[in-house]
Amino acid sequence: MKVVHQRYVAYSDAHYAGNLVDGAYSLKLFGDAGTHLAIIGDGHESLFAGYSSVEFLAPIRGGDVIEAEARLASKGNRSRTVEFELRIICRSLDETGRAEVLAEPIIATRARGTGVVPADAIRNRS
């Protein structure tokens, strides 16, 4: 089971030289996609316990179009291990508004984390 969220990265989201967006931007989108995944899978937003790994692999820039994927990796009684990947699918060419759809997405961020469903919110309990 997986969900994918796509969005345009506004130039106003860039905070650093070179039109770079901070790493927390990826994590915020992972939170949104992870919540969506939890709602589909368990009918509850769940509570995110933490990341076991985060890798920043390529820069995200204002003007990019990105997609954040959350995929269920494993399911315990209440815990859900989720793998995340953020890909750049379109890249701004310059500040005039010109951009291109990338032939191959650029993987910008990968992460793995655990969400927990409250005991009283688990579907199909016995």
C-alpha atoms as a PDB file:
ATOM      1  CA  MET A   1       0.000   0.000   0.000  1.00  0.00           C
ATOM      2  CA  LYS A   2       1.328   3.450  -0.875  1.00  0.00           C
ATOM      3  CA  VAL A   3       0.308   7.064  -1.427  1.00  0.00           C
ATOM      4  CA  VAL A   4       1.984   9.726  -3.546  1.00  0.00           C
ATOM      5  CA  HIS A   5       1.572  13.475  -3.069  1.00  0.00           C
ATOM      6  CA  GLN A   6       2.761  15.884  -5.765  1.00  0.00           C
ATOM      7  CA  ARG A   7       3.356  19.602  -5.376  1.00  0.00           C
ATOM      8  CA  TYR A   8       5.091  22.626  -6.762  1.00  0.00           C
ATOM      9  CA  VAL A   9       7.870  24.084  -4.597  1.00  0.00           C
ATOM     10  CA  ALA A  10       7.378  27.845  -4.439  1.00  0.00           C
ATOM     11  CA  TYR A  11      10.378  30.115  -4.769  1.00  0.00           C
ATOM     12  CA  SER A  12       9.335  31.588  -1.423  1.00  0.00           C
ATOM     13  CA  ASP A  13      10.095  28.195   0.191  1.00  0.00           C
ATOM     14  CA  ALA A  14      13.793  28.533  -0.698  1.00  0.00           C
ATOM     15  CA  HIS A  15      15.832  29.888   2.210  1.00  0.00           C
ATOM     16  CA  TYR A  16      19.444  29.358   1.194  1.00  0.00           C
ATOM     17  CA  ALA A  17      21.907  30.443  -1.465  1.00  0.00           C
ATOM     18  CA  GLY A  18      21.419  28.675  -4.770  1.00  0.00           C
ATOM     19  CA  ASN A  19      17.628  28.772  -4.303  1.00  0.00           C
ATOM     20  CA  LEU A  20      17.831  25.757  -1.944  1.00  0.00           C
ATOM     21  CA  VAL A  21      15.001  24.495   0.248  1.00  0.00           C
ATOM     22  CA  ASP A  22      15.809  23.198   3.736  1.00  0.00           C
ATOM     23  CA  GLY A  23      15.745  19.484   4.536  1.00  0.00           C
ATOM     24  CA  ALA A  24      12.812  19.885   6.897  1.00  0.00           C
ATOM     25  CA  TYR A  25      10.668  20.577   3.828  1.00  0.00           C
ATOM     26  CA  SER A  26      10.947  16.891   2.840  1.00  0.00           C
ATOM     27  CA  LEU A  27      10.097  15.730   6.346  1.00  0.00           C
ATOM     28  CA  LYS A  28       6.967  17.881   6.466  1.00  0.00           C
ATOM     29  CA  LEU A  29       5.756  16.337   3.216  1.00  0.00           C
ATOM     30  CA  PHE A  30       6.593  12.862   4.528  1.00  0.00           C
ATOM     31  CA  GLY A  31       4.388  13.628   7.529  1.00  0.00           C
ATOM     32  CA  ASP A  32       1.475  14.553   5.260  1.00  0.00           C
ATOM     33  CA  ALA A  33       1.903  11.478   3.048  1.00  0.00           C
ATOM     34  CA  GLY A  34       2.357   9.226   6.099  1.00  0.00           C
ATOM     35  CA  THR A  35      -0.845  10.571   7.644  1.00  0.00           C
ATOM     36  CA  HIS A  36      -2.701   9.931   4.396  1.00  0.00           C
ATOM     37  CA  LEU A  37      -1.325   6.363   4.305  1.00  0.00           C
ATOM     38  CA  ALA A  38      -2.423   5.784   7.920  1.00  0.00           C
ATOM     39  CA  ILE A  39      -5.942   7.008   7.193  1.00  0.00           C
ATOM     40  CA  ILE A  40      -6.250   4.674   4.214  1.00  0.00           C
ATOM     41  CA  GLY A  41      -4.813   1.700   6.094  1.00  0.00           C
ATOM     42  CA  ASP A  42      -6.238   2.146   9.566  1.00  0.00           C
ATOM     43  CA  GLY A  43      -8.932   4.805   9.418  1.00  0.00           C
ATOM     44  CA  HIS A  44      -6.894   6.929  11.836  1.00  0.00           C
ATOM     45  CA  GLU A  45      -4.163   9.536  11.395  1.00  0.00           C
ATOM     46  CA  SER A  46      -1.881   7.584  13.770  1.00  0.00           C
ATOM     47  CA  LEU A  47       0.901   9.104  15.861  1.00  0.00           C
ATOM     48  CA  PHE A  48       4.371   9.299  14.355  1.00  0.00           C
ATOM     49  CA  ALA A  49       6.982   7.906  16.759  1.00  0.00           C
ATOM     50  CA  GLY A  50      10.119   8.836  14.823  1.00  0.00           C
ATOM     51  CA  TYR A  51      12.518   8.229  11.977  1.00  0.00           C
ATOM     52  CA  SER A  52      15.065   5.423  12.080  1.00  0.00           C
ATOM     53  CA  SER A  53      16.900   6.844   9.068  1.00  0.00           C
ATOM     54  CA  VAL A  54      16.903   9.962   6.892  1.00  0.00           C
ATOM     55  CA  GLU A  55      19.091  10.517   3.837  1.00  0.00           C
ATOM     56  CA  PHE A  56      19.348  13.841   1.994  1.00  0.00           C
ATOM     57  CA  LEU A  57      20.574  12.813  -1.460  1.00  0.00           C
ATOM     58  CA  ALA A  58      19.993  15.809  -3.763  1.00  0.00           C
ATOM     59  CA  PRO A  59      18.985  19.459  -3.360  1.00  0.00           C
ATOM     60  CA  ILE A  60      15.398  20.632  -3.714  1.00  0.00           C
ATOM     61  CA  ARG A  61      15.040  24.093  -5.225  1.00  0.00           C
ATOM     62  CA  GLY A  62      12.307  26.654  -5.561  1.00  0.00           C
ATOM     63  CA  GLY A  63      10.504  26.045  -8.859  1.00  0.00           C
ATOM     64  CA  ASP A  64      10.795  22.253  -8.675  1.00  0.00           C
ATOM     65  CA  VAL A  65       7.810  19.924  -8.849  1.00  0.00           C
ATOM     66  CA  ILE A  66       8.197  17.052  -6.431  1.00  0.00           C
ATOM     67  CA  GLU A  67       6.406  13.941  -5.316  1.00  0.00           C
ATOM     68  CA  ALA A  68       6.517  12.447  -1.844  1.00  0.00           C
ATOM     69  CA  GLU A  69       5.742   8.754  -1.551  1.00  0.00           C
ATOM     70  CA  ALA A  70       4.853   6.900   1.651  1.00  0.00           C
ATOM     71  CA  ARG A  71       4.834   3.099   1.400  1.00  0.00           C
ATOM     72  CA  LEU A  72       3.851   0.642   4.106  1.00  0.00           C
ATOM     73  CA  ALA A  73       6.909  -1.555   4.718  1.00  0.00           C
ATOM     74  CA  SER A  74       5.605  -3.638   7.635  1.00  0.00           C
ATOM     75  CA  LYS A  75       2.664  -3.798   9.996  1.00  0.00           C
ATOM     76  CA  GLY A  76       2.704  -4.843  13.633  1.00  0.00           C
ATOM     77  CA  ASN A  77      -0.202  -4.968  16.070  1.00  0.00           C
ATOM     78  CA  ARG A  78      -0.173  -1.181  16.482  1.00  0.00           C
ATOM     79  CA  SER A  79       3.052  -0.078  14.786  1.00  0.00           C
ATOM     80  CA  ARG A  80       3.453   0.673  11.101  1.00  0.00           C
ATOM     81  CA  THR A  81       6.896   0.946   9.499  1.00  0.00           C
ATOM     82  CA  VAL A  82       6.786   3.355   6.577  1.00  0.00           C
ATOM     83  CA  GLU A  83       9.370   4.003   3.877  1.00  0.00           C
ATOM     84  CA  PHE A  84       9.411   7.464   2.344  1.00  0.00           C
ATOM     85  CA  GLU A  85      10.929   8.805  -0.847  1.00  0.00           C
ATOM     86  CA  LEU A  86      10.859  12.321  -2.233  1.00  0.00           C
ATOM     87  CA  ARG A  87      11.533  12.688  -5.956  1.00  0.00           C
ATOM     88  CA  ILE A  88      12.012  15.771  -8.120  1.00  0.00           C
ATOM     89  CA  ILE A  89       9.942  15.242 -11.275  1.00  0.00           C
ATOM     90  CA  CYS A  90      10.245  18.718 -12.866  1.00  0.00           C
ATOM     91  CA  ARG A  91      13.076  21.187 -12.482  1.00  0.00           C
ATOM     92  CA  SER A  92      13.113  24.934 -12.940  1.00  0.00           C
ATOM     93  CA  LEU A  93      15.622  25.986 -15.594  1.00  0.00           C
ATOM     94  CA  ASP A  94      15.958  29.619 -14.538  1.00  0.00           C
ATOM     95  CA  GLU A  95      14.086  32.400 -12.798  1.00  0.00           C
ATOM     96  CA  THR A  96      12.080  33.320 -15.916  1.00  0.00           C
ATOM     97  CA  GLY A  97       9.615  30.488 -15.271  1.00  0.00           C
ATOM     98  CA  ARG A  98      11.088  28.059 -17.777  1.00  0.00           C
ATOM     99  CA  ALA A  99      11.108  24.462 -16.517  1.00  0.00           C
ATOM    100  CA  GLU A 100      11.418  20.920 -17.794  1.00  0.00           C
ATOM    101  CA  VAL A 101       9.858  17.570 -17.013  1.00  0.00           C
ATOM    102  CA  LEU A 102      12.754  15.306 -16.076  1.00  0.00           C
ATOM    103  CA  ALA A 103      13.217  12.111 -18.109  1.00  0.00           C
ATOM    104  CA  GLU A 104      14.161  10.343 -14.864  1.00  0.00           C
ATOM    105  CA  PRO A 105      13.106  11.641 -11.437  1.00  0.00           C
ATOM    106  CA  ILE A 106      15.882  12.752  -9.082  1.00  0.00           C
ATOM    107  CA  ILE A 107      15.668  11.066  -5.674  1.00  0.00           C
ATOM    108  CA  ALA A 108      16.181  13.892  -3.203  1.00  0.00           C
ATOM    109  CA  THR A 109      15.318  12.358   0.179  1.00  0.00           C
ATOM    110  CA  ARG A 110      14.727   8.879   1.600  1.00  0.00           C
ATOM    111  CA  ALA A 111      13.580   8.024   5.092  1.00  0.00           C
ATOM    112  CA  ARG A 112      12.141   5.225   7.184  1.00  0.00           C
ATOM    113  CA  GLY A 113      10.001   5.702  10.243  1.00  0.00           C
ATOM    114  CA  THR A 114       7.378   4.259  12.544  1.00  0.00           C
ATOM    115  CA  GLY A 115       3.818   5.328  13.171  1.00  0.00           C
ATOM    116  CA  VAL A 116       1.650   3.977  15.969  1.00  0.00           C
ATOM    117  CA  VAL A 117      -2.104   3.540  15.883  1.00  0.00           C
ATOM    118  CA  PRO A 118      -3.787   4.161  19.263  1.00  0.00           C
ATOM    119  CA  ALA A 119      -5.166   0.921  20.706  1.00  0.00           C
ATOM    120  CA  ASP A 120      -8.739   2.212  20.742  1.00  0.00           C
ATOM    121  CA  ALA A 121      -8.562   3.205  17.055  1.00  0.00           C
ATOM    122  CA  ILE A 122      -7.514  -0.100  15.467  1.00  0.00           C
ATOM    123  CA  ARG A 123      -9.983  -1.432  12.913  1.00  0.00           C
ATOM    124  CA  ASN A 124     -11.378  -4.948  13.194  1.00  0.00           C
ATOM    125  CA  ARG A 125     -10.326  -5.480  16.798  1.00  0.00           C
ATOM    126  CA  SER A 126     -11.514  -8.663  18.450  1.00  0.00           C
END
